[in-house]
Every structure is written in structure tokens, then in C-alpha cells.
Amino acid sequence: MNNNKCFQTFSFRDKCLFQIGFYGFIIVGTIGISYLENFYIGLAYLAYSLIGLVLGVLYFLCSHCPHVYIYNSCLFYPPIILKSLYHFRETPLNLIDKIGFIGLMGSFVIIPHLWIWKNLIILTLFWVFALPTLLGLLFYICRHCQNLSCPFNQVVTHGED
């Protein structure tokens, strides 16, 4: 697991870019829903996203992450927050963890589209944040990640580059 291909820590640049992208599409989705449909529905999406992150994604995926618990590094949160919420789960992700993580992350992207598809500017702005973030995770971070049981991890698949 600790080969030279895997990141031990994430760079400040990576943390900034991924946080701006991820929280950017959540914010654009919230504003888009609020503007195009209803303020309270937008607020509900924001609450769902934040609660889903803390109670779901952090538990399903991040509590298994060696980056946080061994190397004290995280792309999206200060590691001290994660460590105070969840203890390190050394076992690989199980099927429930994988389904929960994928379902929540997918819903953060899909739900806003129920409303934002009506406005090309908001839809485009949403994808300006979402697309580089999602592709960056998949084709950059996932190729160097220590969390080898994540369904998107590509360290094993790509072997030595």
C-alpha cells in the first residue's frame, strides 16, 4: 500500500482546487434551485448535501482512508474534523459502504438537474465546477490514492507507470 506511486499527502494546490470545485458545484446547485424553483428547496438540497457528506460520505469512504488517519492529509476537510467524528475503520469498504458512497456522491450531482436544466447559464456554471472536479478525482487522485478498497481506486489497475 505504501508504494511510491501512492500519494501520502495532498498538495495545497490540490486541496484548494478540489475544494473549490466540489463545494462550488454544491453552491451553484443550491443557488440554481433557489433561484429557479424555491428558496426552501435550494436550502433543503444544501442541507441534504452537507448532512450527506458528514453522516454518509465521511463514514462510508473517509473513515477507511489512510490519508486521513495515517498521513494526516485530506482533500476536502481538515483531518482533525474527520478524526473527531469517526475512528479509522481498517477493514476494506464493504458493499454497503460502496453503495452508500456512490449513491450519495451521485445524488449531489444529479439532484440539482431536476431544476437547473431550465437555465443554460446555471447548468454550465454547475458543470464548470463539477466536471473538472469529478474527472480530476477519477483520473488523477484515484490513480494515486492509498484507499485501495475504494471502488474508484486505480492504483492496482494501473500498476507501475
Protein backbone atom coordinates (compact mmCIF):
# COMPACT_ATOMS: atom_id res chain seq x y z
CA MET A 1 0.00 0.00 0.00
CA ASN A 2 2.82 2.39 0.67
CA ASN A 3 4.48 2.30 -2.74
CA ASN A 4 5.96 5.42 -4.34
CA LYS A 5 3.02 5.63 -6.78
CA CYS A 6 0.58 6.49 -3.97
CA PHE A 7 0.26 9.97 -2.52
CA GLN A 8 0.89 10.18 1.19
CA THR A 9 -0.29 13.76 1.42
CA PHE A 10 -2.18 16.04 -0.90
CA SER A 11 -0.62 19.28 -2.09
CA PHE A 12 -2.04 22.63 -1.04
CA ARG A 13 -2.88 23.27 -4.71
CA ASP A 14 -4.82 20.01 -5.00
CA LYS A 15 -6.73 20.71 -1.78
CA CYS A 16 -7.68 24.20 -3.00
CA LEU A 17 -8.73 23.09 -6.48
CA PHE A 18 -10.80 20.14 -5.33
CA GLN A 19 -12.49 22.05 -2.53
CA ILE A 20 -13.34 24.95 -4.84
CA GLY A 21 -14.70 22.53 -7.44
CA PHE A 22 -16.67 20.31 -5.09
CA TYR A 23 -18.16 22.99 -2.87
CA GLY A 24 -18.54 25.18 -5.96
CA PHE A 25 -20.96 22.81 -7.67
CA ILE A 26 -22.87 22.30 -4.41
CA ILE A 27 -23.22 26.09 -4.05
CA VAL A 28 -24.17 26.62 -7.70
CA GLY A 29 -26.72 23.81 -7.40
CA THR A 30 -28.15 25.39 -4.25
CA ILE A 31 -28.35 28.86 -5.79
CA GLY A 32 -29.76 27.45 -9.03
CA ILE A 33 -32.51 25.53 -7.26
CA SER A 34 -33.30 28.51 -5.04
CA TYR A 35 -33.46 30.90 -7.99
CA LEU A 36 -35.26 28.66 -10.49
CA GLU A 37 -37.65 26.85 -8.16
CA ASN A 38 -37.86 27.75 -4.50
CA PHE A 39 -35.52 29.08 -1.82
CA TYR A 40 -36.55 26.34 0.61
CA ILE A 41 -35.95 23.55 -1.89
CA GLY A 42 -32.49 25.01 -2.54
CA LEU A 43 -31.87 25.16 1.20
CA ALA A 44 -33.07 21.55 1.52
CA TYR A 45 -30.55 20.48 -1.16
CA LEU A 46 -27.76 22.30 0.67
CA ALA A 47 -28.75 20.71 3.99
CA TYR A 48 -29.01 17.28 2.32
CA SER A 49 -25.57 17.71 0.76
CA LEU A 50 -23.88 18.82 3.97
CA ILE A 51 -25.57 16.20 6.12
CA GLY A 52 -24.92 13.56 3.46
CA LEU A 53 -21.25 14.49 3.45
CA VAL A 54 -20.83 14.38 7.20
CA LEU A 55 -23.01 11.38 8.02
CA GLY A 56 -22.60 9.41 4.81
CA VAL A 57 -19.54 10.07 2.69
CA LEU A 58 -17.24 10.61 5.65
CA TYR A 59 -18.44 7.37 7.23
CA PHE A 60 -18.76 5.22 4.09
CA LEU A 61 -15.48 6.28 2.45
CA CYS A 62 -13.34 8.62 4.51
CA SER A 63 -13.34 6.57 7.72
CA HIS A 64 -11.41 3.92 5.74
CA CYS A 65 -8.90 6.41 4.33
CA PRO A 66 -5.22 6.03 5.27
CA HIS A 67 -4.56 9.57 4.02
CA VAL A 68 -6.54 10.98 6.93
CA TYR A 69 -5.64 8.62 9.75
CA ILE A 70 -2.06 7.65 8.90
CA TYR A 71 -0.73 10.61 6.89
CA ASN A 72 -2.92 13.38 8.37
CA SER A 73 -4.00 14.69 4.95
CA CYS A 74 -7.39 15.13 3.29
CA LEU A 75 -8.59 16.79 0.08
CA PHE A 76 -11.88 18.10 1.46
CA TYR A 77 -11.75 18.51 5.26
CA PRO A 78 -9.18 19.22 7.92
CA PRO A 79 -8.20 15.72 9.15
CA ILE A 80 -8.84 16.70 12.76
CA ILE A 81 -12.56 17.05 11.97
CA LEU A 82 -12.74 13.59 10.43
CA LYS A 83 -10.76 12.04 13.25
CA SER A 84 -13.06 13.59 15.83
CA LEU A 85 -16.18 12.26 14.05
CA TYR A 86 -15.12 8.75 13.08
CA HIS A 87 -12.48 6.27 14.16
CA PHE A 88 -10.31 4.66 11.50
CA ARG A 89 -12.00 1.61 10.00
CA GLU A 90 -9.07 -0.53 8.91
CA THR A 91 -11.26 -3.06 7.14
CA PRO A 92 -11.85 -2.62 3.40
CA LEU A 93 -15.05 -0.92 2.25
CA ASN A 94 -17.93 -3.39 2.24
CA LEU A 95 -20.81 -3.40 -0.25
CA ILE A 96 -22.95 -1.06 1.92
CA ASP A 97 -20.06 1.43 2.15
CA LYS A 98 -19.56 1.36 -1.61
CA ILE A 99 -23.26 1.72 -2.45
CA GLY A 100 -23.70 4.47 0.17
CA PHE A 101 -20.69 6.44 -1.06
CA ILE A 102 -21.55 6.14 -4.77
CA GLY A 103 -25.24 6.85 -4.14
CA LEU A 104 -24.60 9.97 -2.12
CA MET A 105 -21.94 11.39 -4.41
CA GLY A 106 -24.12 10.70 -7.43
CA SER A 107 -27.11 12.35 -5.80
CA PHE A 108 -25.13 15.53 -5.09
CA VAL A 109 -24.63 15.85 -8.86
CA ILE A 110 -27.99 14.54 -10.09
CA ILE A 111 -30.50 16.25 -7.76
CA PRO A 112 -29.84 19.86 -8.90
CA HIS A 113 -30.50 18.83 -12.50
CA LEU A 114 -34.19 18.44 -11.70
CA TRP A 115 -34.28 22.26 -11.76
CA ILE A 116 -31.08 23.73 -13.21
CA TRP A 117 -31.53 22.18 -16.67
CA LYS A 118 -34.01 25.01 -17.27
CA ASN A 119 -31.24 27.62 -17.29
CA LEU A 120 -28.22 27.14 -19.56
CA ILE A 121 -26.06 29.65 -17.64
CA ILE A 122 -26.60 27.96 -14.27
CA LEU A 123 -26.25 24.49 -15.80
CA THR A 124 -22.98 25.47 -17.48
CA LEU A 125 -21.62 27.07 -14.31
CA PHE A 126 -22.55 23.92 -12.35
CA TRP A 127 -20.56 21.77 -14.79
CA VAL A 128 -17.64 24.24 -14.85
CA PHE A 129 -17.14 23.27 -11.21
CA ALA A 130 -18.34 19.64 -11.32
CA LEU A 131 -16.66 18.27 -14.43
CA PRO A 132 -13.01 19.11 -13.64
CA THR A 133 -13.55 18.03 -10.04
CA LEU A 134 -15.08 14.66 -10.90
CA LEU A 135 -12.64 13.97 -13.73
CA GLY A 136 -9.72 15.13 -11.57
CA LEU A 137 -10.74 12.75 -8.83
CA LEU A 138 -11.15 9.84 -11.21
CA PHE A 139 -8.13 10.37 -13.44
CA TYR A 140 -5.66 11.99 -11.04
CA ILE A 141 -6.43 11.34 -7.37
CA CYS A 142 -7.84 7.81 -7.80
CA ARG A 143 -4.65 6.76 -9.62
CA HIS A 144 -2.53 7.64 -6.58
CA CYS A 145 -4.83 7.01 -3.62
CA GLN A 146 -3.94 4.96 -0.54
CA ASN A 147 -7.58 3.87 -0.06
CA LEU A 148 -7.19 0.68 -2.08
CA SER A 149 -10.67 -0.70 -1.31
CA CYS A 150 -12.49 2.32 -2.77
CA PRO A 151 -14.46 1.29 -5.87
CA PHE A 152 -12.77 4.05 -7.89
CA ASN A 153 -9.17 3.39 -6.80
CA GLN A 154 -6.97 2.75 -9.82
CA VAL A 155 -3.59 2.16 -8.18
CA VAL A 156 -3.85 -1.59 -8.54
CA THR A 157 -5.42 -1.42 -12.01
CA HIS A 158 -2.70 0.75 -13.48
CA GLY A 159 0.24 -0.87 -11.72
CA GLU A 160 3.52 0.93 -12.14
CA ASP A 161 3.50 3.84 -14.60
